[in-house]
Amino acid sequence: MKVAIIGTSNSIGPKSYVRSLASSSLVTQVDNFSLGHSTSVVLPLSLHRFEPSKFDFCIFDFAVNEEGMIRSHPERADQIAQRLSGMLERFHGTSCVPVILIMPCHLGLNQECLGRKLYIEFATNNNLPFFDGYEYLEQLQAGSVLSHMDLFRDPDHIAQWPAYALGFILAKQLNWLKEQHIHLGSKLTRLPEFTYLRAATELTDLPGDVIHRRNSLVADSFLKLSGVATHEIRLSRPGTLIGLGLDLAGTNARIALSSGDKRVLLDFGTNYFDPTGEKMTFVVRPVFPQLPVDTSFQITTVQRESIRCSDLYLHGFSIQMLERPSKVLSISPTEIDLAGLVQRNDIREGILAAQALLRK
């Protein structure tokens, strides 16, 4: 069984469920295309970093990072659902089944979980299998003295042993799903078109040096824009700027995006800035409010007070185009709640396997 992963920090690192998923005897290959600190606005890039037909399943994990976004700006829920629809178009005509993974967070425990609701609705409306991490936590707590807080290592990430147990349980559930002979069909609908504009290879008229950066998960090229300056970027047709890709470790400037009389100021802070130039923190962050663009837009680096130089390590832009007819993946039978199929014995086996992996 071959599995692709597109997610955020919950899907990255030695403490994540991905390590145990990859170590399961049921899984022959796991390729991870996740980017930390990102949301579904990364999909116009990430969906085209791999060939879906080479995998049986692709796990999508964005719910944690989008929970706070929806809570502060409810109108973003429709924007997220539109972006998620891109996976249905990308997977059309392939044998890969998208699976929605809803990882839990403190915010979703303490209040109504809007991200969970959004992702379950999306999965249900599109007949997609999903795994509800909040339901999984309740299963771990059943018959034990564990509190929710015992299961987290920080507000946005479950602890290592529940994450490892989750990976083994996911492997078993996906293997069961593969045996169900799910029918992957086609339907015609109307969807926005999404694209990603790469700075280093597609914006060659911009001044700046192409810098190659690497970390443990990804290697890519960035365009280094230095000093306070404004640069114009032209589009081949009208669209809406929805995301900005950059290396936070190399960026200490504030960023202004403008088109016509509309202007958006983005400030990602300097918490991740690395003056040594050794680290890379590659993210695709939402542009909010989204910026409608007719034929061109401007990007301006804005210097911070008390910082002598202003650098932006630019990777690219996520852009949403107009709706057009599109063939998308249609799955039957109806949606499958994978967490709801987990038995008590599956939980015990997952915990025992996680404990064994922790001892290695």
Protein backbone atom coordinates (compact mmCIF):
# COMPACT_ATOMS: atom_id res chain seq x y z
CA MET A 1 0.00 0.00 0.00
CA LYS A 2 1.43 3.35 -1.09
CA VAL A 3 0.46 6.55 0.72
CA ALA A 4 1.11 10.24 0.00
CA ILE A 5 0.78 12.89 2.72
CA ILE A 6 -0.15 16.55 2.23
CA GLY A 7 -0.40 18.29 5.58
CA THR A 8 1.20 20.60 8.09
CA SER A 9 3.35 20.18 11.21
CA ASN A 10 1.15 17.37 12.57
CA SER A 11 2.36 15.35 9.58
CA ILE A 12 6.05 16.24 9.96
CA GLY A 13 8.87 15.01 12.16
CA PRO A 14 9.85 11.98 14.21
CA LYS A 15 7.00 12.52 16.72
CA SER A 16 4.22 12.45 14.12
CA TYR A 17 1.85 9.68 13.05
CA VAL A 18 3.72 9.49 9.72
CA ARG A 19 6.65 7.66 11.31
CA SER A 20 4.47 4.81 12.61
CA LEU A 21 2.37 4.75 9.44
CA ALA A 22 5.55 4.27 7.39
CA SER A 23 6.79 1.52 9.74
CA SER A 24 3.59 -0.53 9.43
CA SER A 25 3.97 -3.85 7.60
CA LEU A 26 0.84 -2.94 5.64
CA VAL A 27 2.52 0.10 4.05
CA THR A 28 5.20 -0.22 1.39
CA GLN A 29 5.78 3.48 0.64
CA VAL A 30 5.06 6.85 2.25
CA ASP A 31 5.99 10.07 0.47
CA ASN A 32 5.50 13.25 2.48
CA PHE A 33 4.68 16.53 0.69
CA SER A 34 3.72 18.45 3.83
CA LEU A 35 4.78 21.99 4.72
CA GLY A 36 4.65 23.21 8.31
CA HIS A 37 2.79 26.40 9.31
CA SER A 38 0.62 26.11 6.18
CA THR A 39 -3.06 25.64 5.35
CA SER A 40 -5.07 24.42 2.37
CA VAL A 41 -3.87 27.53 0.52
CA VAL A 42 -0.78 25.41 -0.24
CA LEU A 43 -2.80 22.98 -2.38
CA PRO A 44 -2.25 24.78 -5.73
CA LEU A 45 1.44 23.97 -5.15
CA SER A 46 1.37 20.67 -3.24
CA LEU A 47 -1.14 18.88 -5.47
CA HIS A 48 1.34 19.16 -8.32
CA ARG A 49 4.46 18.05 -6.46
CA PHE A 50 3.66 14.38 -7.08
CA GLU A 51 1.77 12.06 -9.42
CA PRO A 52 -1.39 10.75 -7.68
CA SER A 53 -1.65 7.65 -9.89
CA LYS A 54 1.46 6.28 -8.19
CA PHE A 55 -0.32 6.06 -4.82
CA ASP A 56 -3.29 4.19 -3.36
CA PHE A 57 -4.20 6.96 -0.90
CA CYS A 58 -3.39 10.59 -0.19
CA ILE A 59 -3.95 11.88 3.35
CA PHE A 60 -4.88 15.56 3.76
CA ASP A 61 -4.23 17.23 7.14
CA PHE A 62 -5.02 20.96 7.47
CA ALA A 63 -7.82 21.20 10.04
CA VAL A 64 -5.68 22.34 13.00
CA ASN A 65 -4.15 25.34 11.23
CA GLU A 66 -7.49 26.38 9.78
CA GLU A 67 -9.46 26.18 13.03
CA GLY A 68 -8.31 29.61 14.25
CA MET A 69 -8.74 31.12 10.79
CA ILE A 70 -12.39 30.12 10.55
CA ARG A 71 -13.10 31.19 14.13
CA SER A 72 -11.79 34.72 13.57
CA HIS A 73 -13.11 35.04 10.01
CA PRO A 74 -16.14 32.75 9.35
CA GLU A 75 -16.23 33.81 5.70
CA ARG A 76 -13.02 31.84 5.18
CA ALA A 77 -14.95 28.56 5.47
CA ASP A 78 -16.31 28.90 1.92
CA GLN A 79 -12.84 29.83 0.64
CA ILE A 80 -11.34 26.71 2.25
CA ALA A 81 -14.05 24.46 0.78
CA GLN A 82 -13.34 25.87 -2.68
CA ARG A 83 -9.63 25.17 -2.31
CA LEU A 84 -10.28 21.62 -1.14
CA SER A 85 -12.34 21.01 -4.27
CA GLY A 86 -9.08 21.20 -6.21
CA MET A 87 -8.13 17.74 -4.93
CA LEU A 88 -11.21 16.25 -6.59
CA GLU A 89 -10.11 17.65 -9.94
CA ARG A 90 -6.47 16.63 -9.49
CA PHE A 91 -7.35 13.03 -8.56
CA HIS A 92 -9.87 12.61 -11.39
CA GLY A 93 -8.86 9.72 -13.64
CA THR A 94 -6.34 8.29 -11.15
CA SER A 95 -6.51 5.32 -8.79
CA CYS A 96 -5.62 7.42 -5.73
CA VAL A 97 -8.26 7.92 -3.03
CA PRO A 98 -8.11 11.17 -1.02
CA VAL A 99 -8.58 10.72 2.74
CA ILE A 100 -9.39 13.61 5.08
CA LEU A 101 -7.55 13.49 8.42
CA ILE A 102 -8.96 15.81 11.09
CA MET A 103 -6.25 16.26 13.71
CA PRO A 104 -7.46 17.65 17.06
CA CYS A 105 -6.28 20.79 18.86
CA HIS A 106 -7.00 22.51 22.20
CA LEU A 107 -9.07 25.22 20.52
CA GLY A 108 -11.41 22.63 19.05
CA LEU A 109 -11.78 20.89 22.41
CA ASN A 110 -12.66 23.97 24.39
CA GLN A 111 -15.19 25.45 21.96
CA GLU A 112 -17.34 24.33 19.06
CA CYS A 113 -14.87 22.90 16.54
CA LEU A 114 -15.59 24.77 13.33
CA GLY A 115 -12.69 23.22 11.42
CA ARG A 116 -13.88 19.72 12.29
CA LYS A 117 -17.40 20.60 11.16
CA LEU A 118 -16.14 22.07 7.87
CA TYR A 119 -13.99 19.06 6.99
CA ILE A 120 -16.65 16.48 7.90
CA GLU A 121 -19.17 18.38 5.77
CA PHE A 122 -16.73 18.51 2.85
CA ALA A 123 -16.02 14.77 3.14
CA THR A 124 -19.72 13.95 3.45
CA ASN A 125 -20.75 16.14 0.51
CA ASN A 126 -18.11 14.53 -1.70
CA ASN A 127 -18.30 10.92 -0.45
CA LEU A 128 -14.71 11.02 0.82
CA PRO A 129 -13.37 8.74 3.57
CA PHE A 130 -12.32 10.70 6.66
CA PHE A 131 -10.72 10.02 10.03
CA ASP A 132 -11.97 12.18 12.90
CA GLY A 133 -9.14 12.75 15.39
CA TYR A 134 -11.52 14.08 18.03
CA GLU A 135 -13.44 10.82 17.95
CA TYR A 136 -10.09 9.02 18.19
CA LEU A 137 -9.23 10.91 21.40
CA GLU A 138 -12.54 9.84 22.92
CA GLN A 139 -11.71 6.23 22.05
CA LEU A 140 -8.33 6.53 23.77
CA GLN A 141 -9.98 7.94 26.89
CA ALA A 142 -12.72 5.31 27.11
CA GLY A 143 -12.25 3.24 30.25
CA SER A 144 -9.15 5.18 31.32
CA VAL A 145 -8.29 8.05 33.66
CA LEU A 146 -6.67 10.06 30.85
CA SER A 147 -7.79 13.63 30.32
CA HIS A 148 -7.68 15.42 26.99
CA MET A 149 -4.63 17.34 28.19
CA ASP A 150 -2.75 14.07 28.81
CA LEU A 151 -2.96 13.36 25.10
CA PHE A 152 -1.30 16.58 23.85
CA ARG A 153 2.32 17.72 23.79
CA ASP A 154 1.27 21.31 22.99
CA PRO A 155 -2.01 23.04 22.03
CA ASP A 156 -1.75 22.05 18.35
CA HIS A 157 -0.11 18.61 18.45
CA ILE A 158 -1.10 15.34 20.10
CA ALA A 159 1.56 13.61 22.19
CA GLN A 160 4.02 11.19 20.66
CA TRP A 161 2.48 7.91 21.79
CA PRO A 162 -1.10 8.76 20.65
CA ALA A 163 0.39 9.97 17.35
CA TYR A 164 2.27 6.70 16.88
CA ALA A 165 -0.83 4.67 17.77
CA LEU A 166 -2.80 6.73 15.25
CA GLY A 167 -0.33 5.88 12.48
CA PHE A 168 -0.69 2.14 13.06
CA ILE A 169 -4.49 2.42 13.27
CA LEU A 170 -4.60 4.48 10.07
CA ALA A 171 -2.55 1.83 8.26
CA LYS A 172 -5.06 -0.85 9.29
CA GLN A 173 -8.07 1.28 8.32
CA LEU A 174 -6.59 2.20 4.93
CA ASN A 175 -5.79 -1.44 4.25
CA TRP A 176 -9.42 -2.31 5.02
CA LEU A 177 -10.55 0.51 2.74
CA LYS A 178 -8.40 -0.78 -0.10
CA GLU A 179 -10.15 -4.16 0.11
CA GLN A 180 -13.59 -2.54 -0.32
CA HIS A 181 -13.07 -2.00 -4.06
CA ILE A 182 -14.29 1.58 -4.00
CA HIS A 183 -15.57 2.79 -7.36
CA LEU A 184 -13.73 5.87 -8.60
CA GLY A 185 -15.95 7.59 -11.12
CA SER A 186 -16.33 10.95 -12.79
CA LYS A 187 -18.77 13.82 -12.75
CA LEU A 188 -18.94 17.20 -14.43
CA THR A 189 -19.23 20.32 -12.31
CA ARG A 190 -18.02 23.90 -12.17
CA LEU A 191 -14.97 24.75 -10.08
CA PRO A 192 -12.53 27.63 -9.75
CA GLU A 193 -9.18 26.98 -11.38
CA PHE A 194 -6.18 27.16 -9.05
CA THR A 195 -2.59 27.71 -10.06
CA TYR A 196 0.75 28.39 -8.39
CA LEU A 197 3.20 30.92 -9.83
CA ARG A 198 6.83 30.08 -8.97
CA ALA A 199 9.09 33.09 -8.50
CA ALA A 200 12.44 31.48 -9.35
CA THR A 201 11.34 29.93 -12.65
CA GLU A 202 8.30 31.91 -13.84
CA LEU A 203 9.07 35.47 -12.69
CA THR A 204 12.48 35.72 -14.31
CA ASP A 205 12.14 39.44 -15.02
CA LEU A 206 12.21 40.25 -11.30
CA PRO A 207 15.57 41.41 -9.94
CA GLY A 208 17.14 39.24 -7.31
CA ASP A 209 19.26 36.16 -6.79
CA VAL A 210 17.92 32.63 -7.07
CA ILE A 211 18.74 30.90 -3.77
CA HIS A 212 18.53 27.14 -3.31
CA ARG A 213 17.40 26.09 0.17
CA ARG A 214 16.93 22.70 1.80
CA ASN A 215 15.67 21.14 5.02
CA SER A 216 14.96 17.55 6.07
CA LEU A 217 11.73 17.40 4.07
CA VAL A 218 12.06 19.59 0.99
CA ALA A 219 14.56 21.31 -1.29
CA ASP A 220 13.48 24.22 -3.47
CA SER A 221 14.49 27.53 -5.04
CA PHE A 222 13.61 31.02 -3.83
CA LEU A 223 14.05 34.47 -5.28
CA LYS A 224 15.85 36.75 -2.82
CA LEU A 225 14.51 40.31 -2.98
CA SER A 226 16.62 42.74 -0.95
CA GLY A 227 16.01 46.31 0.12
CA VAL A 228 12.85 48.40 0.11
CA ALA A 229 11.41 48.16 -3.39
CA THR A 230 8.23 47.59 -5.39
CA HIS A 231 8.00 44.95 -8.10
CA GLU A 232 5.21 44.46 -10.62
CA ILE A 233 3.95 40.99 -11.50
CA ARG A 234 1.72 40.41 -14.51
CA LEU A 235 -0.89 37.68 -14.91
CA SER A 236 -2.00 36.17 -18.18
CA ARG A 237 -5.65 36.53 -17.11
CA PRO A 238 -7.66 37.88 -14.18
CA GLY A 239 -7.57 36.05 -10.89
CA THR A 240 -7.45 36.41 -7.12
CA LEU A 241 -4.26 36.28 -5.08
CA ILE A 242 -4.95 33.87 -2.19
CA GLY A 243 -1.54 32.72 -0.92
CA LEU A 244 2.11 33.72 -0.64
CA GLY A 245 4.96 31.19 -0.59
CA LEU A 246 8.15 32.22 1.20
CA ASP A 247 10.99 31.11 3.44
CA LEU A 248 10.28 32.60 6.86
CA ALA A 249 13.83 31.83 7.99
CA GLY A 250 15.22 34.14 5.30
CA THR A 251 12.54 36.85 5.47
CA ASN A 252 12.60 39.81 7.87
CA ALA A 253 10.65 42.35 5.81
CA ARG A 254 6.98 43.18 5.96
CA ILE A 255 5.18 42.72 2.67
CA ALA A 256 2.57 44.85 0.92
CA LEU A 257 0.53 43.50 -1.98
CA SER A 258 -1.56 45.87 -4.08
CA SER A 259 -3.70 45.90 -7.19
CA GLY A 260 -5.64 48.96 -8.31
CA ASP A 261 -6.97 50.65 -5.19
CA LYS A 262 -6.76 47.46 -3.08
CA ARG A 263 -3.81 46.90 -0.72
CA VAL A 264 -2.98 44.11 1.75
CA LEU A 265 -0.18 44.38 4.31
CA LEU A 266 1.28 41.07 5.50
CA ASP A 267 3.48 40.79 8.55
CA PHE A 268 4.66 37.31 9.49
CA GLY A 269 6.95 38.59 12.25
CA THR A 270 10.57 37.61 12.78
CA ASN A 271 10.13 34.63 15.13
CA TYR A 272 11.40 32.25 12.46
CA PHE A 273 14.05 34.53 10.96
CA ASP A 274 17.49 32.92 11.02
CA PRO A 275 20.33 35.46 10.57
CA THR A 276 22.84 32.63 10.04
CA GLY A 277 21.11 31.57 6.83
CA GLU A 278 21.35 27.91 7.81
CA LYS A 279 17.66 27.14 8.38
CA MET A 280 14.72 27.01 6.02
CA THR A 281 11.06 27.42 7.05
CA PHE A 282 9.14 27.05 3.80
CA VAL A 283 5.47 28.03 4.12
CA VAL A 284 2.55 29.12 1.96
CA ARG A 285 0.54 31.62 4.00
CA PRO A 286 -2.95 32.92 3.18
CA VAL A 287 -3.37 36.40 1.73
CA PHE A 288 -6.24 37.92 3.68
CA PRO A 289 -8.24 39.68 2.63
CA GLN A 290 -7.80 38.02 -0.73
CA LEU A 291 -6.62 40.37 -3.47
CA PRO A 292 -8.53 40.53 -6.79
CA VAL A 293 -6.15 41.07 -9.72
CA ASP A 294 -7.05 42.15 -13.25
CA THR A 295 -3.80 42.07 -15.21
CA SER A 296 -1.07 42.81 -12.65
CA PHE A 297 -0.28 43.36 -8.99
CA GLN A 298 2.62 44.87 -7.05
CA ILE A 299 4.67 43.38 -4.22
CA THR A 300 6.54 45.82 -1.97
CA THR A 301 9.06 45.00 0.75
CA VAL A 302 8.56 47.25 3.77
CA GLN A 303 11.48 47.77 6.14
CA ARG A 304 11.03 47.19 9.85
CA GLU A 305 12.14 49.73 12.39
CA SER A 306 15.55 48.97 13.95
CA ILE A 307 16.39 46.42 11.21
CA ARG A 308 19.02 47.66 8.77
CA CYS A 309 18.28 45.32 5.89
CA SER A 310 15.01 44.01 4.45
CA ASP A 311 15.07 40.62 2.76
CA LEU A 312 12.28 38.54 1.28
CA TYR A 313 12.89 34.96 0.20
CA LEU A 314 10.00 34.61 -2.23
CA HIS A 315 8.86 31.23 -3.51
CA GLY A 316 5.61 32.05 -5.30
CA PHE A 317 1.90 32.86 -5.26
CA SER A 318 -1.27 30.76 -5.00
CA ILE A 319 -3.85 32.19 -7.39
CA GLN A 320 -7.53 31.39 -7.83
CA MET A 321 -9.00 31.87 -11.30
CA LEU A 322 -12.60 32.03 -12.48
CA GLU A 323 -14.94 29.04 -12.42
CA ARG A 324 -15.08 26.78 -15.46
CA PRO A 325 -16.52 23.34 -16.30
CA SER A 326 -14.40 20.61 -14.77
CA LYS A 327 -14.40 16.83 -14.48
CA VAL A 328 -13.85 15.75 -10.88
CA LEU A 329 -13.48 12.54 -8.92
CA SER A 330 -16.73 10.91 -7.88
CA ILE A 331 -16.53 8.16 -5.26
CA SER A 332 -19.09 5.50 -4.39
CA PRO A 333 -20.30 4.16 -2.01
CA THR A 334 -21.00 7.01 0.38
CA GLU A 335 -18.50 8.63 2.73
CA ILE A 336 -16.78 6.39 5.29
CA ASP A 337 -16.08 7.49 8.86
CA LEU A 338 -12.86 5.53 9.42
CA ALA A 339 -12.58 6.47 13.11
CA GLY A 340 -16.11 5.18 13.64
CA LEU A 341 -15.01 1.75 12.40
CA VAL A 342 -12.15 1.46 14.90
CA GLN A 343 -12.69 -1.32 17.43
CA ARG A 344 -11.42 -1.44 20.99
CA ASN A 345 -8.96 -4.16 19.98
CA ASP A 346 -7.59 -1.85 17.26
CA ILE A 347 -6.89 0.77 19.94
CA ARG A 348 -5.07 -1.76 22.14
CA GLU A 349 -2.99 -3.04 19.23
CA GLY A 350 -2.15 0.51 18.16
CA ILE A 351 -1.02 1.47 21.66
CA LEU A 352 1.15 -1.64 22.01
CA ALA A 353 2.76 -1.03 18.61
CA ALA A 354 3.37 2.63 19.56
CA GLN A 355 5.04 1.60 22.81
CA ALA A 356 7.31 -0.80 20.91
CA LEU A 357 8.26 1.92 18.43
CA LEU A 358 9.01 4.36 21.25
CA ARG A 359 11.53 1.89 22.69
CA LYS A 360 13.52 1.75 19.45
